[in-house]
Amino acid sequence: MDKHIEFSYCSFKAFKVLANNYLGLETHPLFEMIQQSMEETNITPADVAENLMPKSPTEDAEKCLLNLIRALEEAKEEAAKKKAEELNDTQAKKDETIQSQEIN
């Protein structure tokens, strides 16, 4: 049985706390872009944290922030794709209903 648990999404304020905890940053030029992206799409705090954690000793704070921006862009594209699929499914169901009514 599939169970879906809904978690709240990460706010920009929460992102800033995570950026400070993981990267030691209170501000950065990329924060404005991240804030704008976070207003346009939903991402969980766990996904934010995953992208802010350096994957190797050579990854610096800017690389981690760029990883987060990429993840936000991918989440936005995925949400748009899902919405388009839902609209197509809804339209297909309407078309089926109309066709069955015409037959009867």
N, C-alpha and C. Protein backbone atom coordinates (compact mmCIF):
# COMPACT_ATOMS: atom_id res chain seq x y z
N MET A 1 0.84 -1.16 0.00
CA MET A 1 0.00 0.00 0.00
C MET A 1 0.90 1.24 0.00
N ASP A 2 0.59 2.17 -0.89
CA ASP A 2 1.34 3.42 -0.93
C ASP A 2 0.77 4.39 0.08
N LYS A 3 1.64 5.03 0.79
CA LYS A 3 1.21 6.07 1.73
C LYS A 3 1.95 7.34 1.35
N HIS A 4 1.20 8.39 1.27
CA HIS A 4 1.79 9.68 0.95
C HIS A 4 1.69 10.56 2.18
N ILE A 5 2.83 11.07 2.58
CA ILE A 5 2.87 11.98 3.71
C ILE A 5 3.23 13.35 3.16
N GLU A 6 2.43 14.32 3.50
CA GLU A 6 2.67 15.67 3.00
C GLU A 6 3.46 16.47 4.03
N PHE A 7 4.54 17.06 3.58
CA PHE A 7 5.36 17.92 4.42
C PHE A 7 5.21 19.34 3.91
N SER A 8 5.50 20.28 4.78
CA SER A 8 5.45 21.67 4.34
C SER A 8 6.65 21.95 3.45
N TYR A 9 6.53 22.99 2.67
CA TYR A 9 7.62 23.37 1.78
C TYR A 9 8.53 24.37 2.46
N CYS A 10 9.70 24.49 1.94
CA CYS A 10 10.73 25.35 2.52
C CYS A 10 10.48 26.81 2.13
N SER A 11 10.48 27.67 3.13
CA SER A 11 10.37 29.10 2.88
C SER A 11 11.78 29.67 2.69
N PHE A 12 11.84 30.91 2.21
CA PHE A 12 13.14 31.53 2.03
C PHE A 12 13.82 31.74 3.39
N LYS A 13 13.02 32.06 4.39
CA LYS A 13 13.58 32.24 5.74
C LYS A 13 14.22 30.95 6.23
N ALA A 14 13.55 29.83 6.00
CA ALA A 14 14.11 28.53 6.40
C ALA A 14 15.36 28.21 5.58
N PHE A 15 15.34 28.57 4.29
CA PHE A 15 16.53 28.37 3.45
C PHE A 15 17.72 29.12 4.04
N LYS A 16 17.50 30.35 4.48
CA LYS A 16 18.61 31.14 5.03
C LYS A 16 19.20 30.48 6.27
N VAL A 17 18.35 29.87 7.09
CA VAL A 17 18.84 29.15 8.27
C VAL A 17 19.68 27.95 7.81
N LEU A 18 19.18 27.22 6.82
CA LEU A 18 19.93 26.06 6.31
C LEU A 18 21.25 26.49 5.66
N ALA A 19 21.23 27.58 4.91
CA ALA A 19 22.46 28.07 4.27
C ALA A 19 23.49 28.46 5.33
N ASN A 20 23.02 29.04 6.42
CA ASN A 20 23.93 29.41 7.50
C ASN A 20 24.47 28.16 8.18
N ASN A 21 23.59 27.18 8.43
CA ASN A 21 24.03 25.95 9.10
C ASN A 21 25.00 25.13 8.25
N TYR A 22 24.69 24.95 6.98
CA TYR A 22 25.50 24.08 6.13
C TYR A 22 26.70 24.79 5.50
N LEU A 23 26.54 26.07 5.17
CA LEU A 23 27.60 26.77 4.43
C LEU A 23 28.21 27.93 5.19
N GLY A 24 27.64 28.28 6.32
CA GLY A 24 28.15 29.41 7.09
C GLY A 24 27.87 30.75 6.42
N LEU A 25 26.82 30.80 5.59
CA LEU A 25 26.50 32.03 4.86
C LEU A 25 25.30 32.73 5.46
N GLU A 26 25.42 34.03 5.65
CA GLU A 26 24.26 34.83 6.05
C GLU A 26 23.70 35.57 4.85
N THR A 27 24.54 35.80 3.86
CA THR A 27 24.10 36.45 2.64
C THR A 27 25.05 36.04 1.51
N HIS A 28 24.54 36.15 0.30
CA HIS A 28 25.33 35.81 -0.89
C HIS A 28 24.61 36.41 -2.09
N PRO A 29 25.34 36.82 -3.12
CA PRO A 29 24.68 37.38 -4.31
C PRO A 29 23.64 36.45 -4.95
N LEU A 30 23.77 35.14 -4.79
CA LEU A 30 22.81 34.21 -5.39
C LEU A 30 21.51 34.07 -4.58
N PHE A 31 21.49 34.63 -3.36
CA PHE A 31 20.29 34.51 -2.53
C PHE A 31 19.06 35.11 -3.20
N GLU A 32 19.23 36.22 -3.91
CA GLU A 32 18.09 36.87 -4.57
C GLU A 32 17.48 35.94 -5.62
N MET A 33 18.32 35.30 -6.41
CA MET A 33 17.83 34.37 -7.43
C MET A 33 17.14 33.18 -6.77
N ILE A 34 17.70 32.70 -5.69
CA ILE A 34 17.11 31.57 -4.97
C ILE A 34 15.75 31.96 -4.40
N GLN A 35 15.66 33.15 -3.83
CA GLN A 35 14.39 33.61 -3.27
C GLN A 35 13.32 33.67 -4.36
N GLN A 36 13.67 34.22 -5.50
CA GLN A 36 12.71 34.32 -6.61
C GLN A 36 12.27 32.92 -7.05
N SER A 37 13.21 32.01 -7.18
CA SER A 37 12.89 30.64 -7.59
C SER A 37 12.00 29.94 -6.56
N MET A 38 12.27 30.19 -5.29
CA MET A 38 11.48 29.55 -4.24
C MET A 38 10.05 30.08 -4.22
N GLU A 39 9.85 31.30 -4.67
CA GLU A 39 8.50 31.86 -4.77
C GLU A 39 7.73 31.26 -5.93
N GLU A 40 8.44 30.74 -6.92
CA GLU A 40 7.81 30.21 -8.13
C GLU A 40 7.56 28.71 -8.07
N THR A 41 8.22 28.02 -7.15
CA THR A 41 8.07 26.56 -7.08
C THR A 41 8.18 26.09 -5.64
N ASN A 42 7.78 24.87 -5.41
CA ASN A 42 7.84 24.28 -4.08
C ASN A 42 8.99 23.29 -3.98
N ILE A 43 9.67 23.35 -2.84
CA ILE A 43 10.76 22.42 -2.57
C ILE A 43 10.77 22.17 -1.06
N THR A 44 11.03 20.94 -0.68
CA THR A 44 11.02 20.61 0.74
C THR A 44 12.33 21.03 1.40
N PRO A 45 12.31 21.23 2.71
CA PRO A 45 13.55 21.55 3.42
C PRO A 45 14.61 20.46 3.25
N ALA A 46 14.17 19.20 3.17
CA ALA A 46 15.13 18.10 2.99
C ALA A 46 15.84 18.22 1.64
N ASP A 47 15.09 18.60 0.59
CA ASP A 47 15.71 18.77 -0.73
C ASP A 47 16.67 19.96 -0.73
N VAL A 48 16.29 21.02 -0.02
CA VAL A 48 17.19 22.18 0.09
C VAL A 48 18.48 21.76 0.79
N ALA A 49 18.33 21.08 1.92
CA ALA A 49 19.51 20.66 2.69
C ALA A 49 20.40 19.74 1.87
N GLU A 50 19.79 18.82 1.13
CA GLU A 50 20.57 17.89 0.30
C GLU A 50 21.43 18.64 -0.71
N ASN A 51 20.87 19.69 -1.29
CA ASN A 51 21.61 20.45 -2.29
C ASN A 51 22.62 21.41 -1.69
N LEU A 52 22.44 21.77 -0.43
CA LEU A 52 23.39 22.68 0.22
C LEU A 52 24.59 21.95 0.81
N MET A 53 24.45 20.66 1.03
CA MET A 53 25.57 19.91 1.61
C MET A 53 26.65 19.68 0.55
N PRO A 54 27.87 20.10 0.85
CA PRO A 54 28.95 19.84 -0.10
C PRO A 54 29.14 18.33 -0.30
N LYS A 55 29.28 17.91 -1.56
CA LYS A 55 29.44 16.49 -1.88
C LYS A 55 30.90 16.05 -1.84
N SER A 56 31.79 17.03 -1.87
CA SER A 56 33.22 16.73 -1.80
C SER A 56 33.93 17.93 -1.16
N PRO A 57 35.16 17.73 -0.72
CA PRO A 57 35.90 18.84 -0.10
C PRO A 57 36.17 20.00 -1.07
N THR A 58 36.10 19.73 -2.36
CA THR A 58 36.38 20.79 -3.34
C THR A 58 35.16 21.64 -3.66
N GLU A 59 33.97 21.22 -3.23
CA GLU A 59 32.77 22.00 -3.50
C GLU A 59 32.69 23.17 -2.51
N ASP A 60 32.61 24.37 -3.07
CA ASP A 60 32.50 25.54 -2.22
C ASP A 60 31.03 25.96 -2.10
N ALA A 61 30.79 27.02 -1.34
CA ALA A 61 29.43 27.48 -1.08
C ALA A 61 28.70 27.85 -2.38
N GLU A 62 29.40 28.51 -3.28
CA GLU A 62 28.76 28.93 -4.53
C GLU A 62 28.31 27.72 -5.35
N LYS A 63 29.12 26.70 -5.41
CA LYS A 63 28.76 25.47 -6.14
C LYS A 63 27.50 24.85 -5.52
N CYS A 64 27.42 24.83 -4.20
CA CYS A 64 26.24 24.27 -3.52
C CYS A 64 25.00 25.10 -3.81
N LEU A 65 25.14 26.42 -3.82
CA LEU A 65 24.00 27.28 -4.13
C LEU A 65 23.55 27.08 -5.57
N LEU A 66 24.51 26.90 -6.47
CA LEU A 66 24.16 26.64 -7.87
C LEU A 66 23.46 25.28 -8.01
N ASN A 67 23.86 24.30 -7.20
CA ASN A 67 23.16 23.01 -7.19
C ASN A 67 21.71 23.20 -6.77
N LEU A 68 21.49 24.05 -5.78
CA LEU A 68 20.12 24.31 -5.32
C LEU A 68 19.31 25.01 -6.41
N ILE A 69 19.90 25.98 -7.08
CA ILE A 69 19.20 26.68 -8.16
C ILE A 69 18.81 25.70 -9.25
N ARG A 70 19.70 24.79 -9.59
CA ARG A 70 19.41 23.77 -10.60
C ARG A 70 18.25 22.88 -10.14
N ALA A 71 18.27 22.50 -8.87
CA ALA A 71 17.20 21.65 -8.32
C ALA A 71 15.86 22.39 -8.34
N LEU A 72 15.88 23.68 -8.04
CA LEU A 72 14.65 24.48 -8.09
C LEU A 72 14.11 24.56 -9.52
N GLU A 73 15.00 24.74 -10.48
CA GLU A 73 14.58 24.80 -11.89
C GLU A 73 13.99 23.47 -12.32
N GLU A 74 14.61 22.37 -11.92
CA GLU A 74 14.10 21.04 -12.26
C GLU A 74 12.74 20.79 -11.60
N ALA A 75 12.58 21.23 -10.36
CA ALA A 75 11.29 21.07 -9.66
C ALA A 75 10.20 21.87 -10.36
N LYS A 76 10.56 23.05 -10.82
CA LYS A 76 9.59 23.90 -11.52
C LYS A 76 9.17 23.24 -12.83
N GLU A 77 10.13 22.71 -13.58
CA GLU A 77 9.82 22.02 -14.84
C GLU A 77 8.96 20.78 -14.59
N GLU A 78 9.28 20.03 -13.55
CA GLU A 78 8.53 18.83 -13.21
C GLU A 78 7.10 19.17 -12.82
N ALA A 79 6.92 20.25 -12.07
CA ALA A 79 5.58 20.68 -11.67
C ALA A 79 4.76 21.11 -12.88
N ALA A 80 5.40 21.81 -13.82
CA ALA A 80 4.70 22.23 -15.03
C ALA A 80 4.30 21.02 -15.87
N LYS A 81 5.20 20.05 -15.96
CA LYS A 81 4.92 18.83 -16.71
C LYS A 81 3.75 18.06 -16.09
N LYS A 82 3.76 17.96 -14.77
CA LYS A 82 2.70 17.25 -14.06
C LYS A 82 1.36 17.96 -14.26
N LYS A 83 1.38 19.28 -14.19
CA LYS A 83 0.15 20.05 -14.38
C LYS A 83 -0.40 19.85 -15.79
N ALA A 84 0.48 19.84 -16.79
CA ALA A 84 0.05 19.63 -18.18
C ALA A 84 -0.55 18.24 -18.35
N GLU A 85 0.06 17.24 -17.72
CA GLU A 85 -0.47 15.87 -17.80
C GLU A 85 -1.85 15.80 -17.15
N GLU A 86 -2.01 16.46 -16.01
CA GLU A 86 -3.31 16.46 -15.34
C GLU A 86 -4.37 17.13 -16.20
N LEU A 87 -4.01 18.23 -16.85
CA LEU A 87 -4.96 18.91 -17.74
C LEU A 87 -5.33 18.02 -18.92
N ASN A 88 -4.36 17.31 -19.47
CA ASN A 88 -4.63 16.39 -20.57
C ASN A 88 -5.54 15.26 -20.14
N ASP A 89 -5.30 14.70 -18.94
CA ASP A 89 -6.13 13.63 -18.41
C ASP A 89 -7.56 14.12 -18.19
N THR A 90 -7.70 15.32 -17.65
CA THR A 90 -9.03 15.89 -17.41
C THR A 90 -9.76 16.09 -18.72
N GLN A 91 -9.06 16.61 -19.72
CA GLN A 91 -9.69 16.83 -21.02
C GLN A 91 -10.07 15.51 -21.67
N ALA A 92 -9.24 14.50 -21.54
CA ALA A 92 -9.54 13.19 -22.11
C ALA A 92 -10.79 12.59 -21.46
N LYS A 93 -10.93 12.75 -20.16
CA LYS A 93 -12.12 12.25 -19.47
C LYS A 93 -13.37 12.99 -19.93
N LYS A 94 -13.25 14.30 -20.11
CA LYS A 94 -14.40 15.08 -20.61
C LYS A 94 -14.79 14.61 -22.00
N ASP A 95 -13.78 14.39 -22.85
CA ASP A 95 -14.06 13.93 -24.21
C ASP A 95 -14.74 12.57 -24.20
N GLU A 96 -14.29 11.66 -23.33
CA GLU A 96 -14.90 10.33 -23.23
C GLU A 96 -16.35 10.44 -22.78
N THR A 97 -16.62 11.32 -21.82
CA THR A 97 -17.98 11.51 -21.32
C THR A 97 -18.88 12.03 -22.44
N ILE A 98 -18.39 13.00 -23.18
CA ILE A 98 -19.18 13.56 -24.29
C ILE A 98 -19.45 12.50 -25.35
N GLN A 99 -18.45 11.71 -25.68
CA GLN A 99 -18.63 10.66 -26.69
C GLN A 99 -19.63 9.60 -26.22
N SER A 100 -19.57 9.23 -24.96
CA SER A 100 -20.51 8.20 -24.47
C SER A 100 -21.93 8.76 -24.42
N GLN A 101 -22.07 10.05 -24.17
CA GLN A 101 -23.39 10.68 -24.16
C GLN A 101 -23.96 10.75 -25.58
N GLU A 102 -23.09 11.01 -26.56
CA GLU A 102 -23.53 11.08 -27.95
C GLU A 102 -23.97 9.72 -28.46
N ILE A 103 -23.31 8.67 -28.00
CA ILE A 103 -23.64 7.32 -28.42
C ILE A 103 -25.00 6.92 -27.87
N ASN A 104 -25.24 7.28 -26.63
CA ASN A 104 -26.52 6.94 -25.98
C ASN A 104 -27.57 7.86 -26.45
